Amino acid sequence: MEFHMISSGPKPVAPFSHAVETDGLVFLTGQMPDTPEMPGVLPEGIVAQTHAAMANLQLVLGGLGLGFEHVVMARVYLTRFKEDYAAMNATYRDYFPIDRLPARTCVGVTGLAYDSLIEIDLVARRP
């Protein structure tokens, strides 16, 4: 197993690696919608927060020589599920070709770090 920390990546809010790689699979820790430059500062609304979380995931993937085309599974956590589900889906959809959508689970949760609206984690496969 390889434990990866991306030097320019998001600041961890807890003790974890940005990703762990084993047998060609890469498990990315859930990313929050803040930025490496401003940890804990969140944009307003689910659309902006979805873009920010995806940008952090892209940063981690890129640091490993991967991209969204390598993603096989996503998990999305929403604190305002009923209110934000449709807008999150519309935003998330833009990151993947319609014929190459990863498997996905989306759940409502009672709270996330920084009181964010969303957190997303991924599983990718190295080619």
C-alpha atoms as a PDB file:
ATOM      1  CA  MET A   1       0.000   0.000   0.000  1.00  0.00           C
ATOM      2  CA  GLU A   2       1.037   3.565  -0.665  1.00  0.00           C
ATOM      3  CA  PHE A   3      -0.161   6.472   1.480  1.00  0.00           C
ATOM      4  CA  HIS A   4      -0.236   9.757  -0.439  1.00  0.00           C
ATOM      5  CA  MET A   5      -0.156  13.350   0.778  1.00  0.00           C
ATOM      6  CA  ILE A   6      -0.235  15.974  -1.971  1.00  0.00           C
ATOM      7  CA  SER A   7       1.977  18.873  -0.854  1.00  0.00           C
ATOM      8  CA  SER A   8      -0.176  21.482  -2.596  1.00  0.00           C
ATOM      9  CA  GLY A   9      -3.389  19.691  -1.631  1.00  0.00           C
ATOM     10  CA  PRO A  10      -6.154  20.637   0.773  1.00  0.00           C
ATOM     11  CA  LYS A  11      -5.221  20.923   4.442  1.00  0.00           C
ATOM     12  CA  PRO A  12      -6.457  17.862   6.360  1.00  0.00           C
ATOM     13  CA  VAL A  13      -9.110  18.539   9.005  1.00  0.00           C
ATOM     14  CA  ALA A  14      -8.286  15.236  10.742  1.00  0.00           C
ATOM     15  CA  PRO A  15      -5.516  12.603  10.742  1.00  0.00           C
ATOM     16  CA  PHE A  16      -5.714  11.051   7.255  1.00  0.00           C
ATOM     17  CA  SER A  17      -3.870  10.694   3.946  1.00  0.00           C
ATOM     18  CA  HIS A  18      -5.221  12.407   0.844  1.00  0.00           C
ATOM     19  CA  ALA A  19      -5.290   8.975  -0.803  1.00  0.00           C
ATOM     20  CA  VAL A  20      -4.335   5.375  -0.232  1.00  0.00           C
ATOM     21  CA  GLU A  21      -3.384   3.179  -3.167  1.00  0.00           C
ATOM     22  CA  THR A  22      -3.457  -0.604  -3.290  1.00  0.00           C
ATOM     23  CA  ASP A  23      -3.660  -3.107  -6.139  1.00  0.00           C
ATOM     24  CA  GLY A  24      -4.329  -0.420  -8.746  1.00  0.00           C
ATOM     25  CA  LEU A  25      -7.178   1.156  -6.779  1.00  0.00           C
ATOM     26  CA  VAL A  26      -6.827   4.651  -5.340  1.00  0.00           C
ATOM     27  CA  PHE A  27      -9.110   5.649  -2.455  1.00  0.00           C
ATOM     28  CA  LEU A  28      -9.400   9.421  -2.087  1.00  0.00           C
ATOM     29  CA  THR A  29     -10.389  10.867   1.255  1.00  0.00           C
ATOM     30  CA  GLY A  30     -13.555  12.944   1.216  1.00  0.00           C
ATOM     31  CA  GLN A  31     -12.865  16.531   0.262  1.00  0.00           C
ATOM     32  CA  MET A  32     -14.486  19.618   1.688  1.00  0.00           C
ATOM     33  CA  PRO A  33     -15.441  22.723  -0.306  1.00  0.00           C
ATOM     34  CA  ASP A  34     -12.690  24.987   1.018  1.00  0.00           C
ATOM     35  CA  THR A  35      -9.377  25.731  -0.715  1.00  0.00           C
ATOM     36  CA  PRO A  36      -5.774  24.906   0.200  1.00  0.00           C
ATOM     37  CA  GLU A  37      -5.125  28.651   0.420  1.00  0.00           C
ATOM     38  CA  MET A  38      -8.060  29.333   2.775  1.00  0.00           C
ATOM     39  CA  PRO A  39      -8.815  26.264   4.916  1.00  0.00           C
ATOM     40  CA  GLY A  40     -12.220  26.408   6.545  1.00  0.00           C
ATOM     41  CA  VAL A  41     -13.499  29.275   4.378  1.00  0.00           C
ATOM     42  CA  LEU A  42     -16.436  28.053   2.298  1.00  0.00           C
ATOM     43  CA  PRO A  43     -18.185  29.527  -0.738  1.00  0.00           C
ATOM     44  CA  GLU A  44     -21.922  30.210  -0.488  1.00  0.00           C
ATOM     45  CA  GLY A  45     -24.446  27.664  -1.701  1.00  0.00           C
ATOM     46  CA  ILE A  46     -24.418  24.085  -2.922  1.00  0.00           C
ATOM     47  CA  VAL A  47     -23.377  24.827  -6.516  1.00  0.00           C
ATOM     48  CA  ALA A  48     -20.243  26.725  -5.469  1.00  0.00           C
ATOM     49  CA  GLN A  49     -19.472  24.187  -2.747  1.00  0.00           C
ATOM     50  CA  THR A  50     -19.860  21.263  -5.172  1.00  0.00           C
ATOM     51  CA  HIS A  51     -17.441  22.935  -7.610  1.00  0.00           C
ATOM     52  CA  ALA A  52     -14.984  23.589  -4.748  1.00  0.00           C
ATOM     53  CA  ALA A  53     -15.094  19.986  -3.476  1.00  0.00           C
ATOM     54  CA  MET A  54     -14.595  18.691  -7.022  1.00  0.00           C
ATOM     55  CA  ALA A  55     -11.661  21.094  -7.502  1.00  0.00           C
ATOM     56  CA  ASN A  56     -10.005  19.655  -4.387  1.00  0.00           C
ATOM     57  CA  LEU A  57     -10.585  16.119  -5.654  1.00  0.00           C
ATOM     58  CA  GLN A  58      -9.127  17.093  -9.028  1.00  0.00           C
ATOM     59  CA  LEU A  59      -6.076  18.521  -7.230  1.00  0.00           C
ATOM     60  CA  VAL A  60      -5.505  15.234  -5.389  1.00  0.00           C
ATOM     61  CA  LEU A  61      -6.116  13.138  -8.520  1.00  0.00           C
ATOM     62  CA  GLY A  62      -3.743  15.346 -10.513  1.00  0.00           C
ATOM     63  CA  GLY A  63      -1.071  14.999  -7.838  1.00  0.00           C
ATOM     64  CA  LEU A  64      -1.258  11.247  -8.425  1.00  0.00           C
ATOM     65  CA  GLY A  65      -1.166  11.500 -12.214  1.00  0.00           C
ATOM     66  CA  LEU A  66      -4.885  10.701 -12.496  1.00  0.00           C
ATOM     67  CA  GLY A  67      -8.042  12.518 -13.567  1.00  0.00           C
ATOM     68  CA  PHE A  68     -11.807  12.191 -13.322  1.00  0.00           C
ATOM     69  CA  GLU A  69     -11.703   9.720 -16.220  1.00  0.00           C
ATOM     70  CA  HIS A  70     -10.127   7.224 -13.789  1.00  0.00           C
ATOM     71  CA  VAL A  71     -12.904   7.477 -11.192  1.00  0.00           C
ATOM     72  CA  VAL A  72     -14.986   4.325 -10.704  1.00  0.00           C
ATOM     73  CA  MET A  73     -16.976   5.237  -7.557  1.00  0.00           C
ATOM     74  CA  ALA A  74     -18.089   8.397  -5.780  1.00  0.00           C
ATOM     75  CA  ARG A  75     -19.793   9.007  -2.464  1.00  0.00           C
ATOM     76  CA  VAL A  76     -21.515  12.311  -1.849  1.00  0.00           C
ATOM     77  CA  TYR A  77     -22.614  13.518   1.580  1.00  0.00           C
ATOM     78  CA  LEU A  78     -25.158  16.353   1.832  1.00  0.00           C
ATOM     79  CA  THR A  79     -26.323  18.137   4.978  1.00  0.00           C
ATOM     80  CA  ARG A  80     -29.437  19.571   3.247  1.00  0.00           C
ATOM     81  CA  PHE A  81     -30.349  16.570   1.121  1.00  0.00           C
ATOM     82  CA  LYS A  82     -33.851  17.547  -0.030  1.00  0.00           C
ATOM     83  CA  GLU A  83     -32.922  21.159  -0.642  1.00  0.00           C
ATOM     84  CA  ASP A  84     -29.594  20.593  -2.432  1.00  0.00           C
ATOM     85  CA  TYR A  85     -29.831  17.201  -4.178  1.00  0.00           C
ATOM     86  CA  ALA A  86     -31.031  18.448  -7.597  1.00  0.00           C
ATOM     87  CA  ALA A  87     -28.589  21.373  -7.826  1.00  0.00           C
ATOM     88  CA  MET A  88     -25.687  19.196  -6.662  1.00  0.00           C
ATOM     89  CA  ASN A  89     -26.535  16.593  -9.327  1.00  0.00           C
ATOM     90  CA  ALA A  90     -26.675  19.218 -12.073  1.00  0.00           C
ATOM     91  CA  THR A  91     -23.246  20.527 -11.018  1.00  0.00           C
ATOM     92  CA  TYR A  92     -21.626  17.113 -10.411  1.00  0.00           C
ATOM     93  CA  ARG A  93     -22.817  15.825 -13.803  1.00  0.00           C
ATOM     94  CA  ASP A  94     -20.551  18.325 -15.614  1.00  0.00           C
ATOM     95  CA  TYR A  95     -17.410  16.531 -14.391  1.00  0.00           C
ATOM     96  CA  PHE A  96     -18.062  13.221 -16.162  1.00  0.00           C
ATOM     97  CA  PRO A  97     -19.099  12.238 -19.695  1.00  0.00           C
ATOM     98  CA  ILE A  98     -22.712  11.025 -19.743  1.00  0.00           C
ATOM     99  CA  ASP A  99     -21.617   7.575 -20.929  1.00  0.00           C
ATOM    100  CA  ARG A 100     -18.876   7.237 -18.263  1.00  0.00           C
ATOM    101  CA  LEU A 101     -20.586   8.111 -14.993  1.00  0.00           C
ATOM    102  CA  PRO A 102     -18.965   6.451 -11.981  1.00  0.00           C
ATOM    103  CA  ALA A 103     -21.016   4.315  -9.627  1.00  0.00           C
ATOM    104  CA  ARG A 104     -22.269   6.589  -6.845  1.00  0.00           C
ATOM    105  CA  THR A 105     -23.893   6.744  -3.451  1.00  0.00           C
ATOM    106  CA  CYS A 106     -25.410   9.961  -2.120  1.00  0.00           C
ATOM    107  CA  VAL A 107     -26.604  10.270   1.453  1.00  0.00           C
ATOM    108  CA  GLY A 108     -27.964  12.924   3.750  1.00  0.00           C
ATOM    109  CA  VAL A 109     -25.964  13.516   6.920  1.00  0.00           C
ATOM    110  CA  THR A 110     -26.485  15.599  10.035  1.00  0.00           C
ATOM    111  CA  GLY A 111     -23.205  17.495   9.848  1.00  0.00           C
ATOM    112  CA  LEU A 112     -19.816  17.855   8.160  1.00  0.00           C
ATOM    113  CA  ALA A 113     -16.529  19.567   9.030  1.00  0.00           C
ATOM    114  CA  TYR A 114     -16.589  23.361   8.763  1.00  0.00           C
ATOM    115  CA  ASP A 115     -20.411  23.132   8.646  1.00  0.00           C
ATOM    116  CA  SER A 116     -20.097  22.549   4.910  1.00  0.00           C
ATOM    117  CA  LEU A 117     -23.050  21.516   2.782  1.00  0.00           C
ATOM    118  CA  ILE A 118     -21.160  18.756   0.943  1.00  0.00           C
ATOM    119  CA  GLU A 119     -18.272  16.321   1.099  1.00  0.00           C
ATOM    120  CA  ILE A 120     -17.273  13.961  -1.718  1.00  0.00           C
ATOM    121  CA  ASP A 121     -14.914  10.990  -1.721  1.00  0.00           C
ATOM    122  CA  LEU A 122     -13.788   8.918  -4.689  1.00  0.00           C
ATOM    123  CA  VAL A 123     -12.334   5.588  -5.710  1.00  0.00           C
ATOM    124  CA  ALA A 124     -10.185   5.641  -8.851  1.00  0.00           C
ATOM    125  CA  ARG A 125      -8.398   2.925 -10.781  1.00  0.00           C
ATOM    126  CA  ARG A 126      -4.905   3.424 -12.087  1.00  0.00           C
ATOM    127  CA  PRO A 127      -4.667   2.451 -15.796  1.00  0.00           C
END
